[in-house]
Amino acid sequence: MTEPVTASPPAFKDRSVLLTLVGVVEILLGALSLLIGAISCVGLFVGRLVPGASTSAMTPAVAMMSTSVYFFTAALFVWIGIGTIKGRRWARAIMLIVSWPWLIAGTLSLILVGLLIVRMPQIQTPELSSSVMTFVLFLVLGFASIFSTFLPGLFLLFYGSQNVR
């Protein structure tokens, strides 16, 4: 007699180390967002103490809105990071939902930053040399590309992998 052929489930690679690493990166992103939110809170209060400082652009409502976005982002990344380390399925789904708009908006903003950087040498201040200004502009473009396209792209590649499901 022949034995019936049973379909075995596909063999998945063990991604627990990568899940832990990505979870730690997400928690670090949350900590960075928390730090930026705290610095913006402190900056708002310190800026009001400086005599003659203009505070018209940063009203309390605008400050609360911007800092609440940083604090929400911090909570989101820490929560997703913990879920990723624990291997929860919802962490993958939420990170895919977050990463797509992040990548699209980041790509569009990176294009805008690139277009603005082309015009920046025309606005050069006399205190900065052209080489310092060029270095600063490329530094800004480098950080913008890392945080707006590289990170969400990596998250999409990682969470979109068949082995992470």
Protein backbone atom coordinates (compact mmCIF):
# COMPACT_ATOMS: atom_id res chain seq x y z
CA MET A 1 0.00 0.00 0.00
CA THR A 2 1.04 3.49 -0.62
CA GLU A 3 0.85 6.04 2.09
CA PRO A 4 -1.17 9.15 1.45
CA VAL A 5 0.84 12.24 0.63
CA THR A 6 0.30 14.95 3.15
CA ALA A 7 1.22 18.51 2.45
CA SER A 8 3.65 19.74 5.00
CA PRO A 9 3.55 23.37 5.94
CA PRO A 10 6.25 25.49 4.34
CA ALA A 11 9.42 25.72 6.33
CA PHE A 12 9.88 29.19 7.77
CA LYS A 13 13.16 30.56 8.96
CA ASP A 14 13.45 31.41 12.62
CA ARG A 15 13.28 35.21 12.78
CA SER A 16 13.19 35.61 16.57
CA VAL A 17 16.59 37.34 16.66
CA LEU A 18 15.55 39.73 13.89
CA LEU A 19 12.21 40.35 15.60
CA THR A 20 14.06 41.28 18.77
CA LEU A 21 16.47 43.54 16.88
CA VAL A 22 13.69 45.32 14.98
CA GLY A 23 11.68 45.64 18.19
CA VAL A 24 14.64 47.28 19.92
CA VAL A 25 15.04 49.69 16.97
CA GLU A 26 11.35 50.58 17.26
CA ILE A 27 11.69 51.17 21.00
CA LEU A 28 14.73 53.38 20.35
CA LEU A 29 12.70 55.35 17.78
CA GLY A 30 10.04 55.79 20.44
CA ALA A 31 12.64 57.00 22.93
CA LEU A 32 13.99 59.45 20.35
CA SER A 33 10.50 60.77 19.71
CA LEU A 34 9.92 61.13 23.45
CA LEU A 35 13.20 63.04 23.77
CA ILE A 36 12.28 65.41 20.93
CA GLY A 37 8.86 65.99 22.50
CA ALA A 38 10.43 66.75 25.87
CA ILE A 39 12.98 69.10 24.31
CA SER A 40 10.22 70.95 22.46
CA CYS A 41 8.28 71.34 25.74
CA VAL A 42 11.34 72.68 27.52
CA GLY A 43 12.15 74.92 24.56
CA LEU A 44 8.69 76.44 24.65
CA PHE A 45 8.95 77.36 28.33
CA VAL A 46 12.56 78.52 28.15
CA GLY A 47 11.79 80.58 25.05
CA ARG A 48 9.10 82.46 26.94
CA LEU A 49 11.61 83.36 29.68
CA VAL A 50 14.03 85.05 27.29
CA PRO A 51 13.34 88.79 27.20
CA GLY A 52 12.60 90.14 23.74
CA ALA A 53 12.16 86.68 22.18
CA SER A 54 9.44 86.40 19.59
CA THR A 55 6.89 83.75 20.49
CA SER A 56 4.25 84.67 17.93
CA ALA A 57 4.94 81.61 15.75
CA MET A 58 4.69 79.15 18.62
CA THR A 59 1.42 79.69 20.40
CA PRO A 60 0.54 77.34 23.25
CA ALA A 61 -1.99 75.54 21.05
CA VAL A 62 0.59 74.90 18.32
CA ALA A 63 3.14 73.79 20.90
CA MET A 64 0.71 71.37 22.53
CA MET A 65 -0.25 69.93 19.16
CA SER A 66 3.34 69.37 18.06
CA THR A 67 4.46 67.87 21.35
CA SER A 68 1.40 65.63 21.51
CA VAL A 69 2.33 64.25 18.07
CA TYR A 70 5.82 63.43 19.37
CA PHE A 71 4.44 61.80 22.51
CA PHE A 72 1.86 59.80 20.52
CA THR A 73 4.60 58.64 18.14
CA ALA A 74 6.77 57.66 21.10
CA ALA A 75 3.97 55.60 22.65
CA LEU A 76 3.19 53.98 19.28
CA PHE A 77 6.77 52.92 18.57
CA VAL A 78 7.38 51.61 22.09
CA TRP A 79 4.09 49.66 22.00
CA ILE A 80 4.85 48.19 18.55
CA GLY A 81 8.44 47.46 19.58
CA ILE A 82 7.30 45.46 22.59
CA GLY A 83 4.76 43.63 20.44
CA THR A 84 7.44 42.84 17.86
CA ILE A 85 9.82 41.47 20.49
CA LYS A 86 7.03 39.26 21.83
CA GLY A 87 6.21 38.10 18.28
CA ARG A 88 2.64 39.37 18.24
CA ARG A 89 0.84 39.31 14.90
CA TRP A 90 -0.86 42.64 15.47
CA ALA A 91 2.55 44.36 15.62
CA ARG A 92 3.26 43.30 12.05
CA ALA A 93 -0.13 44.49 10.81
CA ILE A 94 0.10 47.85 12.57
CA MET A 95 3.67 48.43 11.42
CA LEU A 96 2.70 47.72 7.81
CA ILE A 97 -0.20 50.17 8.18
CA VAL A 98 2.13 52.81 9.63
CA SER A 99 5.04 52.24 7.23
CA TRP A 100 3.21 52.71 3.92
CA PRO A 101 1.97 56.27 4.54
CA TRP A 102 5.28 57.05 6.26
CA LEU A 103 7.19 55.97 3.15
CA ILE A 104 4.88 57.84 0.75
CA ALA A 105 4.89 61.06 2.79
CA GLY A 106 8.61 60.70 3.42
CA THR A 107 9.41 60.28 -0.25
CA LEU A 108 7.35 63.35 -1.15
CA SER A 109 8.94 65.40 1.64
CA LEU A 110 12.40 64.23 0.62
CA ILE A 111 11.73 65.47 -2.91
CA LEU A 112 10.59 68.80 -1.45
CA VAL A 113 13.69 69.04 0.76
CA GLY A 114 15.84 68.25 -2.28
CA LEU A 115 14.18 71.04 -4.25
CA LEU A 116 14.63 73.47 -1.37
CA ILE A 117 18.27 72.52 -0.91
CA VAL A 118 18.95 73.51 -4.50
CA ARG A 119 17.73 77.01 -3.66
CA MET A 120 19.49 77.26 -0.27
CA PRO A 121 22.87 78.53 -1.54
CA GLN A 122 21.03 81.64 -2.79
CA ILE A 123 19.93 82.34 0.80
CA GLN A 124 23.41 81.82 2.24
CA THR A 125 24.26 83.91 5.26
CA PRO A 126 27.53 85.82 5.32
CA GLU A 127 28.56 84.20 8.63
CA LEU A 128 28.77 80.72 7.08
CA SER A 129 31.23 79.72 4.40
CA SER A 130 29.93 77.89 1.36
CA SER A 131 31.64 74.64 2.40
CA VAL A 132 29.99 74.72 5.86
CA MET A 133 26.62 75.50 4.29
CA THR A 134 27.04 72.62 1.82
CA PHE A 135 27.96 70.25 4.65
CA VAL A 136 24.91 71.31 6.68
CA LEU A 137 22.60 70.92 3.68
CA PHE A 138 23.86 67.42 2.92
CA LEU A 139 23.64 66.50 6.59
CA VAL A 140 19.99 67.59 6.62
CA LEU A 141 19.34 65.67 3.40
CA GLY A 142 21.05 62.58 4.84
CA PHE A 143 18.98 62.59 8.04
CA ALA A 144 15.82 63.31 6.07
CA SER A 145 16.49 60.36 3.76
CA ILE A 146 17.21 58.00 6.66
CA PHE A 147 14.12 58.90 8.67
CA SER A 148 11.70 59.48 5.80
CA THR A 149 12.48 56.70 3.33
CA PHE A 150 15.14 54.30 4.56
CA LEU A 151 13.53 53.29 7.88
CA PRO A 152 9.98 52.83 6.56
CA GLY A 153 11.39 50.97 3.56
CA LEU A 154 13.29 48.60 5.85
CA PHE A 155 10.21 48.06 8.01
CA LEU A 156 8.15 47.27 4.89
CA LEU A 157 10.75 44.80 3.65
CA PHE A 158 11.04 43.14 7.04
CA TYR A 159 7.35 42.95 7.92
CA GLY A 160 6.36 42.09 4.35
CA SER A 161 8.62 39.04 4.37
CA GLN A 162 6.94 35.65 4.24
CA ASN A 163 9.03 34.48 7.20
CA VAL A 164 7.74 37.20 9.55
CA ARG A 165 4.06 36.32 9.17
